[in-house]
N, C-alpha and C. Protein backbone atom coordinates (compact mmCIF):
# COMPACT_ATOMS: atom_id res chain seq x y z
N MET A 1 -240.71 31.90 1.87
CA MET A 1 -239.98 31.08 2.83
C MET A 1 -239.81 31.87 4.11
N ASN A 2 -240.10 31.24 5.22
CA ASN A 2 -239.87 31.95 6.49
C ASN A 2 -238.49 31.60 7.03
N GLY A 3 -238.06 32.27 8.07
CA GLY A 3 -236.72 32.08 8.60
C GLY A 3 -236.50 30.74 9.27
N ASP A 4 -237.57 29.98 9.51
CA ASP A 4 -237.44 28.69 10.18
C ASP A 4 -237.20 27.53 9.20
N GLU A 5 -237.43 27.77 7.92
CA GLU A 5 -237.26 26.70 6.93
C GLU A 5 -235.81 26.62 6.51
N PRO A 6 -235.27 25.41 6.38
CA PRO A 6 -233.88 25.29 5.94
C PRO A 6 -233.75 25.72 4.49
N SER A 7 -232.60 26.30 4.15
CA SER A 7 -232.35 26.69 2.77
C SER A 7 -232.03 25.45 1.95
N GLY A 8 -232.13 25.60 0.63
CA GLY A 8 -231.78 24.50 -0.26
C GLY A 8 -230.34 24.05 -0.05
N ASP A 9 -229.45 25.02 0.18
CA ASP A 9 -228.05 24.69 0.40
C ASP A 9 -227.86 23.85 1.66
N SER A 10 -228.59 24.17 2.72
CA SER A 10 -228.43 23.39 3.95
C SER A 10 -229.04 22.00 3.78
N LEU A 11 -230.10 21.89 2.99
CA LEU A 11 -230.67 20.57 2.72
C LEU A 11 -229.69 19.72 1.92
N ILE A 12 -229.02 20.33 0.96
CA ILE A 12 -228.02 19.61 0.16
C ILE A 12 -226.87 19.17 1.06
N PHE A 13 -226.39 20.08 1.90
CA PHE A 13 -225.30 19.76 2.81
C PHE A 13 -225.68 18.58 3.72
N THR A 14 -226.88 18.61 4.25
CA THR A 14 -227.36 17.54 5.11
C THR A 14 -227.43 16.22 4.35
N ARG A 15 -227.92 16.26 3.13
CA ARG A 15 -228.02 15.04 2.30
C ARG A 15 -226.64 14.48 2.00
N VAL A 16 -225.70 15.35 1.65
CA VAL A 16 -224.33 14.90 1.37
C VAL A 16 -223.72 14.30 2.64
N THR A 17 -223.95 14.94 3.78
CA THR A 17 -223.43 14.43 5.06
C THR A 17 -223.95 13.02 5.33
N THR A 18 -225.24 12.82 5.09
CA THR A 18 -225.85 11.50 5.30
C THR A 18 -225.29 10.46 4.34
N LEU A 19 -225.19 10.82 3.07
CA LEU A 19 -224.63 9.89 2.08
C LEU A 19 -223.18 9.57 2.40
N TRP A 20 -222.42 10.57 2.83
CA TRP A 20 -221.01 10.37 3.14
C TRP A 20 -220.83 9.44 4.33
N ALA A 21 -221.69 9.59 5.33
CA ALA A 21 -221.61 8.69 6.49
C ALA A 21 -221.86 7.25 6.07
N ALA A 22 -222.84 7.03 5.20
CA ALA A 22 -223.10 5.67 4.70
C ALA A 22 -221.93 5.17 3.87
N HIS A 23 -221.37 6.04 3.06
CA HIS A 23 -220.27 5.65 2.17
C HIS A 23 -219.02 5.27 2.96
N ARG A 24 -218.71 6.07 3.94
CA ARG A 24 -217.50 5.81 4.75
C ARG A 24 -217.63 4.54 5.57
N GLY A 25 -218.86 4.12 5.83
CA GLY A 25 -219.07 2.92 6.62
C GLY A 25 -218.92 1.63 5.85
N GLU A 26 -218.65 1.74 4.56
CA GLU A 26 -218.53 0.54 3.72
C GLU A 26 -217.12 0.40 3.17
N PRO A 27 -216.64 -0.84 3.10
CA PRO A 27 -215.33 -1.05 2.48
C PRO A 27 -215.42 -0.86 0.96
N PHE A 28 -214.31 -0.55 0.36
CA PHE A 28 -214.27 -0.42 -1.10
C PHE A 28 -214.53 -1.80 -1.71
N PRO A 29 -215.47 -1.89 -2.65
CA PRO A 29 -215.82 -3.20 -3.23
C PRO A 29 -214.68 -3.82 -4.02
N ASP A 30 -214.42 -5.09 -3.77
CA ASP A 30 -213.37 -5.81 -4.49
C ASP A 30 -213.60 -5.80 -6.00
N GLY A 31 -214.88 -5.84 -6.41
CA GLY A 31 -215.19 -5.88 -7.83
C GLY A 31 -214.78 -4.64 -8.60
N LEU A 32 -214.48 -3.56 -7.89
CA LEU A 32 -214.11 -2.31 -8.55
C LEU A 32 -212.60 -2.09 -8.61
N ARG A 33 -211.86 -2.96 -7.97
CA ARG A 33 -210.41 -2.74 -7.85
C ARG A 33 -209.66 -2.72 -9.18
N TRP A 34 -210.12 -3.45 -10.16
CA TRP A 34 -209.36 -3.59 -11.41
C TRP A 34 -210.09 -2.99 -12.61
N ILE A 35 -211.04 -2.11 -12.36
CA ILE A 35 -211.79 -1.48 -13.45
C ILE A 35 -211.22 -0.09 -13.70
N ASP A 36 -211.02 0.19 -14.99
CA ASP A 36 -210.58 1.52 -15.39
C ASP A 36 -211.73 2.26 -16.05
N ALA A 37 -211.80 3.55 -15.82
CA ALA A 37 -212.80 4.40 -16.47
C ALA A 37 -212.33 4.73 -17.88
N PRO A 38 -213.20 5.26 -18.72
CA PRO A 38 -212.80 5.63 -20.08
C PRO A 38 -211.60 6.58 -20.12
N SER A 39 -211.42 7.38 -19.09
CA SER A 39 -210.28 8.30 -19.04
C SER A 39 -208.97 7.57 -18.82
N GLY A 40 -209.06 6.29 -18.43
CA GLY A 40 -207.86 5.52 -18.09
C GLY A 40 -207.58 5.49 -16.61
N ASP A 41 -208.28 6.31 -15.84
CA ASP A 41 -208.09 6.31 -14.39
C ASP A 41 -208.74 5.07 -13.78
N PRO A 42 -208.03 4.38 -12.89
CA PRO A 42 -208.64 3.24 -12.21
C PRO A 42 -209.72 3.73 -11.23
N VAL A 43 -210.75 2.95 -11.06
CA VAL A 43 -211.85 3.32 -10.17
C VAL A 43 -211.36 3.60 -8.74
N PRO A 44 -210.41 2.83 -8.19
CA PRO A 44 -209.94 3.19 -6.84
C PRO A 44 -209.37 4.61 -6.77
N ALA A 45 -208.71 5.06 -7.82
CA ALA A 45 -208.18 6.43 -7.83
C ALA A 45 -209.32 7.44 -7.90
N LEU A 46 -210.34 7.16 -8.72
CA LEU A 46 -211.49 8.05 -8.80
C LEU A 46 -212.19 8.15 -7.45
N ASP A 47 -212.30 7.02 -6.77
CA ASP A 47 -212.90 7.00 -5.43
C ASP A 47 -212.09 7.87 -4.48
N PHE A 48 -210.79 7.76 -4.55
CA PHE A 48 -209.90 8.54 -3.70
C PHE A 48 -210.03 10.04 -3.98
N TYR A 49 -210.01 10.41 -5.26
CA TYR A 49 -210.14 11.83 -5.63
C TYR A 49 -211.50 12.38 -5.19
N ALA A 50 -212.56 11.63 -5.48
CA ALA A 50 -213.90 12.08 -5.10
C ALA A 50 -214.02 12.22 -3.59
N ALA A 51 -213.47 11.27 -2.85
CA ALA A 51 -213.52 11.32 -1.39
C ALA A 51 -212.83 12.58 -0.86
N GLY A 52 -211.71 12.93 -1.44
CA GLY A 52 -211.01 14.15 -1.03
C GLY A 52 -211.85 15.39 -1.27
N CYS A 53 -212.55 15.41 -2.40
CA CYS A 53 -213.42 16.56 -2.71
C CYS A 53 -214.62 16.62 -1.78
N VAL A 54 -215.22 15.47 -1.49
CA VAL A 54 -216.36 15.45 -0.57
C VAL A 54 -215.91 15.90 0.81
N ASN A 55 -214.76 15.41 1.25
CA ASN A 55 -214.23 15.84 2.56
C ASN A 55 -214.01 17.35 2.59
N ALA A 56 -213.46 17.90 1.52
CA ALA A 56 -213.21 19.34 1.46
C ALA A 56 -214.53 20.11 1.50
N TYR A 57 -215.55 19.62 0.79
CA TYR A 57 -216.86 20.25 0.79
C TYR A 57 -217.45 20.26 2.20
N LEU A 58 -217.37 19.13 2.88
CA LEU A 58 -217.91 19.04 4.24
C LEU A 58 -217.11 19.90 5.22
N ALA A 59 -215.79 19.88 5.09
CA ALA A 59 -214.96 20.70 5.97
C ALA A 59 -215.19 22.19 5.73
N GLY A 60 -215.52 22.53 4.49
CA GLY A 60 -215.79 23.92 4.14
C GLY A 60 -217.23 24.32 4.37
N GLN A 61 -217.99 23.47 5.06
CA GLN A 61 -219.40 23.76 5.38
C GLN A 61 -220.22 24.06 4.12
N GLY A 62 -219.97 23.28 3.07
CA GLY A 62 -220.77 23.42 1.86
C GLY A 62 -220.14 24.25 0.77
N VAL A 63 -218.88 24.59 0.94
CA VAL A 63 -218.17 25.36 -0.08
C VAL A 63 -217.05 24.49 -0.64
N LEU A 64 -216.94 24.49 -1.96
CA LEU A 64 -215.89 23.72 -2.64
C LEU A 64 -215.18 24.64 -3.61
N ASP A 65 -213.86 24.65 -3.55
CA ASP A 65 -213.08 25.52 -4.43
C ASP A 65 -213.21 25.06 -5.89
N PRO A 66 -212.95 25.96 -6.84
CA PRO A 66 -213.14 25.64 -8.26
C PRO A 66 -212.33 24.43 -8.75
N GLN A 67 -211.11 24.26 -8.27
CA GLN A 67 -210.29 23.13 -8.72
C GLN A 67 -210.91 21.80 -8.27
N ARG A 68 -211.33 21.71 -7.04
CA ARG A 68 -211.96 20.48 -6.57
C ARG A 68 -213.33 20.27 -7.22
N HIS A 69 -214.02 21.35 -7.51
CA HIS A 69 -215.29 21.26 -8.21
C HIS A 69 -215.08 20.58 -9.56
N LEU A 70 -214.04 20.99 -10.28
CA LEU A 70 -213.72 20.40 -11.58
C LEU A 70 -213.32 18.93 -11.42
N ILE A 71 -212.49 18.63 -10.44
CA ILE A 71 -212.07 17.25 -10.20
C ILE A 71 -213.28 16.37 -9.90
N LEU A 72 -214.17 16.84 -9.05
CA LEU A 72 -215.35 16.06 -8.67
C LEU A 72 -216.26 15.85 -9.88
N THR A 73 -216.43 16.87 -10.69
CA THR A 73 -217.24 16.76 -11.90
C THR A 73 -216.65 15.73 -12.86
N GLU A 74 -215.34 15.75 -13.04
CA GLU A 74 -214.68 14.78 -13.93
C GLU A 74 -214.76 13.36 -13.38
N CYS A 75 -214.61 13.21 -12.07
CA CYS A 75 -214.75 11.89 -11.45
C CYS A 75 -216.16 11.34 -11.69
N ALA A 76 -217.16 12.18 -11.48
CA ALA A 76 -218.55 11.75 -11.66
C ALA A 76 -218.80 11.34 -13.10
N THR A 77 -218.25 12.08 -14.05
CA THR A 77 -218.42 11.74 -15.47
C THR A 77 -217.83 10.37 -15.77
N ASP A 78 -216.63 10.12 -15.26
CA ASP A 78 -215.99 8.81 -15.45
C ASP A 78 -216.80 7.70 -14.79
N LEU A 79 -217.27 7.94 -13.58
CA LEU A 79 -218.03 6.92 -12.86
C LEU A 79 -219.38 6.65 -13.54
N GLU A 80 -220.00 7.69 -14.07
CA GLU A 80 -221.27 7.50 -14.80
C GLU A 80 -221.07 6.61 -16.02
N ALA A 81 -219.90 6.70 -16.64
CA ALA A 81 -219.62 5.89 -17.84
C ALA A 81 -219.52 4.40 -17.52
N ILE A 82 -219.05 4.07 -16.33
CA ILE A 82 -218.90 2.64 -16.00
C ILE A 82 -220.12 2.08 -15.27
N LEU A 83 -220.96 2.94 -14.73
CA LEU A 83 -222.09 2.49 -13.93
C LEU A 83 -223.00 1.47 -14.63
N PRO A 84 -223.33 1.65 -15.91
CA PRO A 84 -224.23 0.68 -16.55
C PRO A 84 -223.70 -0.76 -16.57
N ALA A 85 -222.40 -0.93 -16.49
CA ALA A 85 -221.81 -2.27 -16.52
C ALA A 85 -221.71 -2.90 -15.14
N LEU A 86 -222.08 -2.17 -14.11
CA LEU A 86 -221.94 -2.66 -12.74
C LEU A 86 -223.26 -3.22 -12.22
N THR A 87 -223.14 -4.12 -11.25
CA THR A 87 -224.32 -4.69 -10.60
C THR A 87 -224.11 -4.72 -9.09
N GLY A 88 -225.19 -4.97 -8.38
CA GLY A 88 -225.13 -5.21 -6.94
C GLY A 88 -224.46 -4.10 -6.16
N HIS A 89 -223.64 -4.51 -5.19
CA HIS A 89 -222.98 -3.57 -4.29
C HIS A 89 -222.04 -2.63 -5.04
N ASP A 90 -221.39 -3.13 -6.10
CA ASP A 90 -220.49 -2.28 -6.88
C ASP A 90 -221.28 -1.10 -7.46
N ALA A 91 -222.45 -1.38 -8.02
CA ALA A 91 -223.27 -0.33 -8.61
C ALA A 91 -223.78 0.64 -7.54
N THR A 92 -224.19 0.11 -6.41
CA THR A 92 -224.68 0.96 -5.32
C THR A 92 -223.59 1.90 -4.83
N TYR A 93 -222.40 1.38 -4.68
CA TYR A 93 -221.26 2.16 -4.20
C TYR A 93 -220.95 3.31 -5.16
N VAL A 94 -220.87 2.99 -6.44
CA VAL A 94 -220.55 4.00 -7.45
C VAL A 94 -221.70 5.00 -7.59
N ALA A 95 -222.94 4.53 -7.57
CA ALA A 95 -224.09 5.43 -7.70
C ALA A 95 -224.12 6.44 -6.55
N ARG A 96 -223.73 6.01 -5.36
CA ARG A 96 -223.72 6.92 -4.22
C ARG A 96 -222.65 8.00 -4.40
N LEU A 97 -221.48 7.62 -4.92
CA LEU A 97 -220.44 8.61 -5.21
C LEU A 97 -220.93 9.63 -6.24
N ILE A 98 -221.58 9.12 -7.29
CA ILE A 98 -222.11 10.00 -8.33
C ILE A 98 -223.14 10.95 -7.74
N ARG A 99 -224.03 10.44 -6.90
CA ARG A 99 -225.08 11.28 -6.32
C ARG A 99 -224.49 12.38 -5.46
N MET A 100 -223.47 12.06 -4.67
CA MET A 100 -222.83 13.10 -3.86
C MET A 100 -222.21 14.16 -4.76
N ALA A 101 -221.55 13.72 -5.82
CA ALA A 101 -220.94 14.67 -6.75
C ALA A 101 -222.00 15.57 -7.39
N GLU A 102 -223.12 14.98 -7.78
CA GLU A 102 -224.21 15.77 -8.38
C GLU A 102 -224.73 16.81 -7.40
N LEU A 103 -224.94 16.40 -6.17
CA LEU A 103 -225.46 17.33 -5.16
C LEU A 103 -224.48 18.49 -4.92
N ILE A 104 -223.20 18.16 -4.84
CA ILE A 104 -222.20 19.17 -4.53
C ILE A 104 -221.96 20.11 -5.71
N THR A 105 -221.97 19.59 -6.93
CA THR A 105 -221.58 20.40 -8.09
C THR A 105 -222.74 21.06 -8.82
N GLN A 106 -223.97 20.74 -8.44
CA GLN A 106 -225.10 21.36 -9.13
C GLN A 106 -225.09 22.86 -8.90
N PRO A 107 -225.52 23.61 -9.90
CA PRO A 107 -225.56 25.06 -9.71
C PRO A 107 -226.56 25.42 -8.61
N PRO A 108 -226.27 26.48 -7.86
CA PRO A 108 -227.20 26.89 -6.81
C PRO A 108 -228.53 27.31 -7.43
N THR A 109 -229.59 27.00 -6.73
CA THR A 109 -230.90 27.38 -7.22
C THR A 109 -231.20 28.80 -6.73
N VAL A 110 -231.75 29.57 -7.63
CA VAL A 110 -232.13 30.94 -7.30
C VAL A 110 -233.63 31.04 -7.40
N PRO A 111 -234.31 31.36 -6.29
CA PRO A 111 -235.76 31.47 -6.34
C PRO A 111 -236.21 32.47 -7.40
N GLY A 112 -237.21 32.08 -8.18
CA GLY A 112 -237.76 32.96 -9.20
C GLY A 112 -236.95 33.01 -10.47
N ALA A 113 -235.90 32.17 -10.58
CA ALA A 113 -235.04 32.21 -11.76
C ALA A 113 -235.46 31.23 -12.84
N ASP A 114 -236.59 30.56 -12.66
CA ASP A 114 -237.05 29.61 -13.66
C ASP A 114 -237.40 30.34 -14.95
N VAL A 115 -236.97 29.75 -16.05
CA VAL A 115 -237.25 30.32 -17.36
C VAL A 115 -238.18 29.39 -18.09
N CYS A 116 -239.17 29.94 -18.76
CA CYS A 116 -240.16 29.13 -19.48
C CYS A 116 -239.52 28.39 -20.63
């Protein structure tokens, strides 16, 4: 890799920024207002918690503290559980939240660390 190519971390940050801009531009879907995740948390609360974590990640220029990392991971797990039952805009909205969580919480890639 030469010095002109963006790092994987900067590509992830850019992707999260783009997804977040799209997400913030949409109202919360009415169809999700009364759905609870398996944990018992209502989807609007999960959306709120995840949004706070994404905001913290973006404000931290791609760094998320361990507590928010755990919260975001748990939110994504709950949202993944309800996703198969959703359709249309509700599914798109939730899938985008999950994708941002995946991008933010995935372990950093280390070049040459692939194991057979």
